[in-house]
Protein backbone atom coordinates (compact mmCIF):
# COMPACT_ATOMS: atom_id res chain seq x y z
CA MET A 1 -31.78 16.67 6.73
CA THR A 2 -33.17 13.61 4.95
CA PRO A 3 -30.40 11.22 3.86
CA LEU A 4 -29.97 11.17 0.09
CA PHE A 5 -30.95 7.56 -0.40
CA GLU A 6 -34.20 8.02 1.49
CA LYS A 7 -35.39 10.36 -1.26
CA GLN A 8 -35.94 7.31 -3.47
CA GLY A 9 -37.04 4.12 -1.73
CA SER A 10 -36.23 1.86 -4.68
CA PHE A 11 -32.46 2.17 -4.46
CA SER A 12 -30.51 -0.96 -3.61
CA SER A 13 -30.26 -1.38 0.15
CA LYS A 14 -26.84 -2.98 -0.36
CA ILE A 15 -25.52 0.13 -2.12
CA ARG A 16 -27.14 2.39 0.47
CA ASP A 17 -25.57 0.42 3.34
CA LEU A 18 -22.14 0.46 1.73
CA CYS A 19 -22.43 4.17 1.14
CA TYR A 20 -23.41 5.01 4.72
CA ASP A 21 -21.38 2.44 6.61
CA VAL A 22 -18.29 4.62 6.74
CA ALA A 23 -16.95 2.54 9.61
CA VAL A 24 -17.12 -0.68 7.56
CA LYS A 25 -14.23 -2.97 8.42
CA ARG A 26 -11.47 -3.05 5.83
CA ASN A 27 -8.97 -5.89 5.77
CA GLY A 28 -5.73 -4.62 4.27
CA GLN A 29 -6.50 -2.75 1.05
CA ASN A 30 -10.13 -3.74 0.42
CA PHE A 31 -12.27 -0.96 -1.01
CA PHE A 32 -15.76 -0.24 -2.25
CA ALA A 33 -15.11 1.49 -5.59
CA LEU A 34 -16.73 3.04 -8.63
CA VAL A 35 -15.04 2.10 -11.91
CA LEU A 36 -14.37 5.33 -13.83
CA LYS A 37 -12.54 3.93 -16.86
CA CYS A 38 -10.25 1.18 -18.02
CA ARG A 39 -7.84 0.68 -20.89
CA LYS A 40 -5.70 -2.15 -22.15
CA ASN A 41 -2.25 -1.96 -20.59
CA ARG A 42 -0.60 -5.03 -22.08
CA GLU A 43 -1.95 -7.95 -24.04
CA GLN A 44 -3.77 -9.44 -21.06
CA ASP A 45 -3.72 -6.59 -18.49
CA LEU A 46 -5.97 -3.60 -17.86
CA SER A 47 -5.20 -0.21 -16.33
CA VAL A 48 -8.28 0.57 -14.23
CA THR A 49 -9.18 3.97 -12.79
CA LEU A 50 -11.23 3.56 -9.61
CA LEU A 51 -12.90 6.05 -7.32
CA THR A 52 -12.83 5.13 -3.62
CA ARG A 53 -13.93 7.06 -0.56
CA GLU A 54 -10.75 6.30 1.35
CA GLN A 55 -8.16 7.18 -1.31
CA GLY A 56 -10.06 9.16 -3.91
CA LYS A 57 -8.99 8.36 -7.47
CA VAL A 58 -6.76 5.29 -7.77
CA ILE A 59 -5.17 3.86 -10.91
CA ALA A 60 -4.48 0.13 -10.56
CA VAL A 61 -3.30 -2.66 -12.82
CA ALA A 62 -5.57 -5.68 -13.21
CA LYS A 63 -3.31 -8.46 -14.44
CA GLY A 64 -4.61 -11.17 -16.74
CA VAL A 65 -8.19 -9.90 -16.88
CA CYS A 66 -8.24 -9.84 -20.69
CA LYS A 67 -7.91 -13.61 -20.78
CA LEU A 68 -11.01 -15.41 -22.01
CA THR A 69 -11.08 -17.37 -18.76
CA SER A 70 -11.09 -14.28 -16.52
CA SER A 71 -14.35 -13.40 -14.77
CA LYS A 72 -13.01 -10.07 -13.49
CA ARG A 73 -13.12 -8.33 -16.89
CA ALA A 74 -16.93 -7.97 -16.85
CA TYR A 75 -16.83 -6.64 -13.29
CA LEU A 76 -14.48 -3.80 -14.28
CA GLU A 77 -16.74 -2.13 -16.84
CA PRO A 78 -17.00 1.67 -16.37
CA GLY A 79 -19.91 2.62 -14.13
CA ASN A 80 -19.90 -0.62 -12.13
CA LEU A 81 -19.64 -0.62 -8.35
CA VAL A 82 -17.15 -3.19 -7.12
CA GLN A 83 -15.44 -4.45 -4.02
CA VAL A 84 -11.73 -4.68 -4.81
CA GLN A 85 -8.52 -5.71 -3.13
CA LEU A 86 -5.39 -3.72 -3.98
CA VAL A 87 -1.78 -4.62 -3.29
CA GLU A 88 0.68 -1.74 -3.16
CA THR A 89 3.84 -1.99 -5.26
CA LYS A 90 6.67 0.40 -6.12
CA ASN A 91 4.75 1.42 -9.22
CA TRP A 92 0.97 1.07 -9.64
CA PRO A 93 -1.20 -0.86 -7.16
CA ILE A 94 -2.16 -4.34 -8.35
CA LEU A 95 -5.84 -5.25 -8.35
CA THR A 96 -5.84 -8.84 -7.10
CA GLN A 97 -9.54 -9.41 -6.42
CA ALA A 98 -12.78 -7.90 -7.68
CA LYS A 99 -16.33 -8.63 -6.65
CA LEU A 100 -19.29 -7.06 -8.42
CA VAL A 101 -21.60 -5.06 -6.15
CA ALA A 102 -23.82 -3.49 -8.83
CA ASP A 103 -23.58 -3.22 -12.60
CA THR A 104 -25.17 -0.59 -14.81
CA GLY A 105 -28.17 -2.77 -15.65
CA LYS A 106 -30.14 -1.87 -18.75
CA ALA A 107 -28.61 1.60 -19.01
CA ARG A 108 -26.17 0.34 -21.65
CA GLU A 109 -29.07 -0.58 -23.93
CA ASP A 110 -30.07 3.07 -24.35
CA LEU A 111 -27.72 5.51 -26.09
CA VAL A 112 -28.97 8.55 -24.15
CA GLN A 113 -28.39 6.81 -20.81
CA VAL A 114 -24.98 5.60 -21.95
CA ARG A 115 -23.99 9.14 -22.88
CA ARG A 116 -25.15 10.55 -19.55
CA LEU A 117 -23.39 7.79 -17.62
CA PHE A 118 -20.07 8.24 -19.44
CA LEU A 119 -20.28 12.02 -19.10
CA TYR A 120 -20.75 11.57 -15.34
CA LEU A 121 -17.71 9.27 -15.17
CA GLU A 122 -15.59 11.62 -17.26
CA ILE A 123 -16.46 14.61 -15.06
CA LEU A 124 -15.55 12.69 -11.90
CA ASP A 125 -12.27 11.62 -13.49
CA LEU A 126 -11.42 15.23 -14.33
CA LEU A 127 -12.45 16.84 -11.04
CA LEU A 128 -11.35 14.36 -8.38
CA THR A 129 -7.83 13.51 -7.27
CA ALA A 130 -6.00 10.92 -5.17
CA GLU A 131 -7.34 12.30 -1.89
CA GLU A 132 -9.86 10.95 0.60
CA ILE A 133 -13.39 11.96 -0.31
CA PRO A 134 -15.53 13.46 2.47
CA VAL A 135 -18.52 11.26 3.31
CA PRO A 136 -21.23 13.77 2.23
CA LEU A 137 -19.55 14.19 -1.17
CA TRP A 138 -19.13 10.42 -1.60
CA GLN A 139 -22.83 9.93 -0.89
CA LYS A 140 -23.75 12.57 -3.50
CA ILE A 141 -21.54 10.85 -6.09
CA ILE A 142 -23.11 7.43 -5.56
CA TYR A 143 -26.61 8.90 -5.39
CA LEU A 144 -26.12 10.65 -8.74
CA ARG A 145 -25.05 7.35 -10.31
CA GLU A 146 -28.29 5.79 -9.10
CA ILE A 147 -30.56 8.48 -10.53
CA LEU A 148 -28.70 8.32 -13.85
CA LEU A 149 -29.26 4.58 -14.06
CA GLN A 150 -32.95 5.04 -13.24
CA ASN A 151 -33.18 7.49 -16.15
CA MET A 152 -34.63 10.30 -14.06
CA SER A 153 -35.25 13.81 -15.35
CA THR A 154 -32.48 16.01 -16.73
CA ARG A 155 -33.51 18.66 -14.23
CA LEU A 156 -32.85 16.32 -11.28
CA VAL A 157 -29.54 15.16 -12.79
CA ARG A 158 -28.41 18.77 -13.27
CA GLN A 159 -29.48 19.60 -9.71
CA GLU A 160 -27.40 16.75 -8.26
CA PHE A 161 -24.43 17.60 -10.47
CA LYS A 162 -24.65 21.15 -9.16
CA ALA A 163 -24.63 19.87 -5.57
CA ILE A 164 -21.41 17.96 -6.28
CA LEU A 165 -19.79 20.93 -8.02
CA ALA A 166 -20.83 23.21 -5.15
CA THR A 167 -19.33 20.81 -2.58
CA LEU A 168 -16.08 20.91 -4.54
CA GLY A 169 -16.23 24.71 -4.59
CA TYR A 170 -16.84 25.11 -8.32
CA ALA A 171 -20.46 26.30 -8.23
CA ASP A 172 -22.94 28.20 -6.11
CA GLU A 173 -25.99 26.11 -5.20
CA SER A 174 -28.11 29.25 -4.96
CA GLN A 175 -27.47 30.11 -8.62
CA GLU A 176 -28.89 28.40 -11.68
CA LEU A 177 -26.52 26.11 -13.56
CA THR A 178 -27.35 26.05 -17.25
CA SER A 179 -24.53 23.79 -18.48
CA VAL A 180 -22.58 21.28 -16.42
CA THR A 181 -20.26 20.46 -19.33
CA ASN A 182 -19.34 24.09 -20.00
CA LEU A 183 -18.56 24.73 -16.34
CA VAL A 184 -16.40 21.62 -16.02
CA SER A 185 -14.54 22.44 -19.24
CA GLU A 186 -13.95 25.96 -17.95
CA VAL A 187 -12.72 24.78 -14.54
CA THR A 188 -10.44 22.00 -15.80
CA GLY A 189 -9.31 23.50 -19.10
CA ASN A 190 -10.25 20.20 -20.78
CA ARG A 191 -12.89 19.69 -23.42
CA LEU A 192 -15.24 16.87 -22.49
CA CYS A 193 -15.13 14.18 -25.15
CA THR A 194 -17.96 11.85 -24.08
CA TYR A 195 -20.52 13.39 -26.41
CA GLU A 196 -18.08 13.34 -29.31
CA TYR A 197 -17.32 9.64 -29.36
CA LEU A 198 -20.87 8.60 -28.47
CA ARG A 199 -22.57 10.78 -31.08
CA VAL A 200 -24.76 9.00 -33.61
CA LYS A 201 -23.61 9.84 -37.15
């Protein structure tokens, strides 16, 4: 079977290497992560939801990143790929370091791309838990992010979403999937809100 990232030769070799190098050395709690969402926790802190291969979904506190002098705030935008260091505490893990691997590029300049990106992040947040993600599924997740950012066809996006949902046991790859949002809402019992708050009025 052809590896996912070989389907499109233009993808970042750095992202491809990080995705496939499952034996990459980790010092302590260093992770390659996808930022799913973030919200203000206190005046200068952020609560950041990350998706990692090793631990699945992780909610961490990034202290002081809302300060004007902090460089980490820009790195922790939803959709970015980052290298982070987490320190375990009795409560939430503390995010002590963040290094940007790949941002979302020009996708944020186009409303349609922004909507598709945030829908993707919302679906991952709803479906995935704090459990290790199998390598094939992790590769599918990162690959789908790449095709979304390259603004590829809706048909391809739906096809890759279906592959993820099938891997999770929520869909049958042999059957046509007409609506990703309807299926996810049905499975989780939650109405997806991405299209609501990003709708042009």
